[in-house]
């Protein structure tokens, strides 16, 4: 059995100026937002959800990018509303979100 039910990685990679990267699209701030929201909902900790930042996941051109394990579900997002939907639907109810999948 896994320690966490879900392990969520946010690409926060920073590339040189002018190159496409997740960091240029507020990835770190939205990761922080997700982490705080998961914690406020009581979803964090053993048997729950772990939110982490990640180096480059190799899909910045589709980003910003987040991947949810153990299902290996890849998402892109535009802002807090999309992060809320990932938390509410995928992390709380186990429903993948087709419109955000990449």
C-alpha atoms as a PDB file:
ATOM      1  CA  UNK A   1       0.000   0.000   0.000  1.00  0.00           C
ATOM      2  CA  UNK A   2       1.231   3.469  -0.878  1.00  0.00           C
ATOM      3  CA  UNK A   3       1.917   6.008   1.870  1.00  0.00           C
ATOM      4  CA  UNK A   4      -0.174   8.609   0.011  1.00  0.00           C
ATOM      5  CA  UNK A   5      -3.386   8.011  -1.878  1.00  0.00           C
ATOM      6  CA  UNK A   6      -2.318  10.661  -4.406  1.00  0.00           C
ATOM      7  CA  UNK A   7       1.075  12.187  -5.082  1.00  0.00           C
ATOM      8  CA  UNK A   8       0.785  15.370  -7.171  1.00  0.00           C
ATOM      9  CA  UNK A   9       3.783  16.938  -8.902  1.00  0.00           C
ATOM     10  CA  UNK A  10       3.738  20.507 -10.222  1.00  0.00           C
ATOM     11  CA  UNK A  11       6.438  21.340 -12.742  1.00  0.00           C
ATOM     12  CA  UNK A  12       8.052  24.560 -11.504  1.00  0.00           C
ATOM     13  CA  UNK A  13      11.003  24.450 -13.874  1.00  0.00           C
ATOM     14  CA  UNK A  14      12.600  27.782 -14.799  1.00  0.00           C
ATOM     15  CA  UNK A  15      14.271  28.076 -18.197  1.00  0.00           C
ATOM     16  CA  UNK A  16      16.254  31.002 -19.620  1.00  0.00           C
ATOM     17  CA  UNK A  17      14.269  34.107 -20.567  1.00  0.00           C
ATOM     18  CA  UNK A  18      12.213  33.642 -23.692  1.00  0.00           C
ATOM     19  CA  UNK A  19      12.024  29.847 -23.485  1.00  0.00           C
ATOM     20  CA  UNK A  20       8.715  28.141 -22.721  1.00  0.00           C
ATOM     21  CA  UNK A  21       8.558  26.914 -19.130  1.00  0.00           C
ATOM     22  CA  UNK A  22       6.004  26.233 -16.428  1.00  0.00           C
ATOM     23  CA  UNK A  23       7.609  28.699 -13.990  1.00  0.00           C
ATOM     24  CA  UNK A  24       6.765  31.566 -16.348  1.00  0.00           C
ATOM     25  CA  UNK A  25       3.074  30.645 -15.955  1.00  0.00           C
ATOM     26  CA  UNK A  26       2.892  31.045 -12.144  1.00  0.00           C
ATOM     27  CA  UNK A  27       3.421  27.333 -11.464  1.00  0.00           C
ATOM     28  CA  UNK A  28       5.070  27.855  -8.060  1.00  0.00           C
ATOM     29  CA  UNK A  29       2.288  30.140  -6.798  1.00  0.00           C
ATOM     30  CA  UNK A  30      -0.390  27.719  -7.982  1.00  0.00           C
ATOM     31  CA  UNK A  31       1.455  24.799  -6.390  1.00  0.00           C
ATOM     32  CA  UNK A  32       1.463  26.749  -3.117  1.00  0.00           C
ATOM     33  CA  UNK A  33      -2.241  27.436  -3.547  1.00  0.00           C
ATOM     34  CA  UNK A  34      -2.958  23.725  -4.127  1.00  0.00           C
ATOM     35  CA  UNK A  35      -0.888  22.717  -1.118  1.00  0.00           C
ATOM     36  CA  UNK A  36      -2.715  25.144   1.169  1.00  0.00           C
ATOM     37  CA  UNK A  37      -6.136  24.163  -0.152  1.00  0.00           C
ATOM     38  CA  UNK A  38      -5.430  20.429   0.255  1.00  0.00           C
ATOM     39  CA  UNK A  39      -4.256  21.113   3.807  1.00  0.00           C
ATOM     40  CA  UNK A  40      -7.305  23.275   4.626  1.00  0.00           C
ATOM     41  CA  UNK A  41      -9.594  20.480   3.416  1.00  0.00           C
ATOM     42  CA  UNK A  42      -7.806  17.954   5.647  1.00  0.00           C
ATOM     43  CA  UNK A  43      -6.686  15.885   2.659  1.00  0.00           C
ATOM     44  CA  UNK A  44      -2.945  16.010   3.412  1.00  0.00           C
ATOM     45  CA  UNK A  45      -0.823  13.511   5.310  1.00  0.00           C
ATOM     46  CA  UNK A  46      -0.570   9.740   5.398  1.00  0.00           C
ATOM     47  CA  UNK A  47      -3.260   8.078   3.306  1.00  0.00           C
ATOM     48  CA  UNK A  48      -4.117  11.425   1.735  1.00  0.00           C
ATOM     49  CA  UNK A  49      -2.631  13.811  -0.781  1.00  0.00           C
ATOM     50  CA  UNK A  50       0.932  15.064  -1.106  1.00  0.00           C
ATOM     51  CA  UNK A  51       1.573  18.163  -3.253  1.00  0.00           C
ATOM     52  CA  UNK A  52       5.161  18.605  -4.480  1.00  0.00           C
ATOM     53  CA  UNK A  53       7.068  20.750  -6.897  1.00  0.00           C
ATOM     54  CA  UNK A  54       9.065  19.077  -9.605  1.00  0.00           C
ATOM     55  CA  UNK A  55      11.841  19.943 -11.951  1.00  0.00           C
ATOM     56  CA  UNK A  56      11.139  19.752 -15.650  1.00  0.00           C
ATOM     57  CA  UNK A  57       8.644  17.045 -16.563  1.00  0.00           C
ATOM     58  CA  UNK A  58       9.410  17.474 -20.275  1.00  0.00           C
ATOM     59  CA  UNK A  59       6.023  18.808 -21.339  1.00  0.00           C
ATOM     60  CA  UNK A  60       6.401  22.559 -20.789  1.00  0.00           C
ATOM     61  CA  UNK A  61       5.023  23.271 -24.272  1.00  0.00           C
ATOM     62  CA  UNK A  62       1.684  21.896 -22.969  1.00  0.00           C
ATOM     63  CA  UNK A  63       1.964  23.663 -19.635  1.00  0.00           C
ATOM     64  CA  UNK A  64       1.832  24.573 -17.019  1.00  0.00           C
ATOM     65  CA  UNK A  65       1.866  20.883 -16.146  1.00  0.00           C
ATOM     66  CA  UNK A  66       0.823  18.782 -13.160  1.00  0.00           C
ATOM     67  CA  UNK A  67       0.854  14.991 -12.918  1.00  0.00           C
ATOM     68  CA  UNK A  68      -1.168  12.907 -10.439  1.00  0.00           C
ATOM     69  CA  UNK A  69       0.092   9.515  -9.310  1.00  0.00           C
ATOM     70  CA  UNK A  70      -0.586   6.623  -8.992  1.00  0.00           C
ATOM     71  CA  UNK A  71      -2.852   6.981 -12.059  1.00  0.00           C
ATOM     72  CA  UNK A  72      -0.213   8.845 -14.082  1.00  0.00           C
ATOM     73  CA  UNK A  73      -2.813  11.473 -15.052  1.00  0.00           C
ATOM     74  CA  UNK A  74      -1.351  14.582 -16.695  1.00  0.00           C
ATOM     75  CA  UNK A  75      -3.111  17.936 -16.568  1.00  0.00           C
ATOM     76  CA  UNK A  76      -2.593  21.495 -17.662  1.00  0.00           C
ATOM     77  CA  UNK A  77      -4.265  24.389 -15.879  1.00  0.00           C
ATOM     78  CA  UNK A  78      -4.906  28.098 -16.363  1.00  0.00           C
ATOM     79  CA  UNK A  79      -5.515  29.277 -12.802  1.00  0.00           C
ATOM     80  CA  UNK A  80      -7.020  28.635  -9.382  1.00  0.00           C
ATOM     81  CA  UNK A  81     -10.345  27.509 -10.835  1.00  0.00           C
ATOM     82  CA  UNK A  82      -8.660  24.627 -12.659  1.00  0.00           C
ATOM     83  CA  UNK A  83      -6.620  23.716  -9.562  1.00  0.00           C
ATOM     84  CA  UNK A  84      -9.846  23.695  -7.528  1.00  0.00           C
ATOM     85  CA  UNK A  85     -11.438  21.365 -10.067  1.00  0.00           C
ATOM     86  CA  UNK A  86      -8.468  18.977  -9.921  1.00  0.00           C
ATOM     87  CA  UNK A  87      -8.689  18.927  -6.122  1.00  0.00           C
ATOM     88  CA  UNK A  88     -12.482  18.674  -5.940  1.00  0.00           C
ATOM     89  CA  UNK A  89     -13.040  16.126  -8.681  1.00  0.00           C
ATOM     90  CA  UNK A  90      -9.856  14.090  -9.003  1.00  0.00           C
ATOM     91  CA  UNK A  91      -8.328  14.176  -5.529  1.00  0.00           C
ATOM     92  CA  UNK A  92     -11.586  14.046  -3.569  1.00  0.00           C
ATOM     93  CA  UNK A  93     -13.847  11.984  -5.843  1.00  0.00           C
ATOM     94  CA  UNK A  94     -11.388  10.079  -8.040  1.00  0.00           C
ATOM     95  CA  UNK A  95     -12.774  11.525 -11.296  1.00  0.00           C
ATOM     96  CA  UNK A  96     -10.304  12.502 -14.003  1.00  0.00           C
ATOM     97  CA  UNK A  97     -11.047  15.801 -15.764  1.00  0.00           C
ATOM     98  CA  UNK A  98     -11.069  15.288 -19.516  1.00  0.00           C
ATOM     99  CA  UNK A  99     -10.907  18.973 -20.492  1.00  0.00           C
ATOM    100  CA  UNK A 100      -7.655  19.494 -18.543  1.00  0.00           C
ATOM    101  CA  UNK A 101      -5.899  16.250 -19.529  1.00  0.00           C
ATOM    102  CA  UNK A 102      -2.858  16.300 -21.749  1.00  0.00           C
END
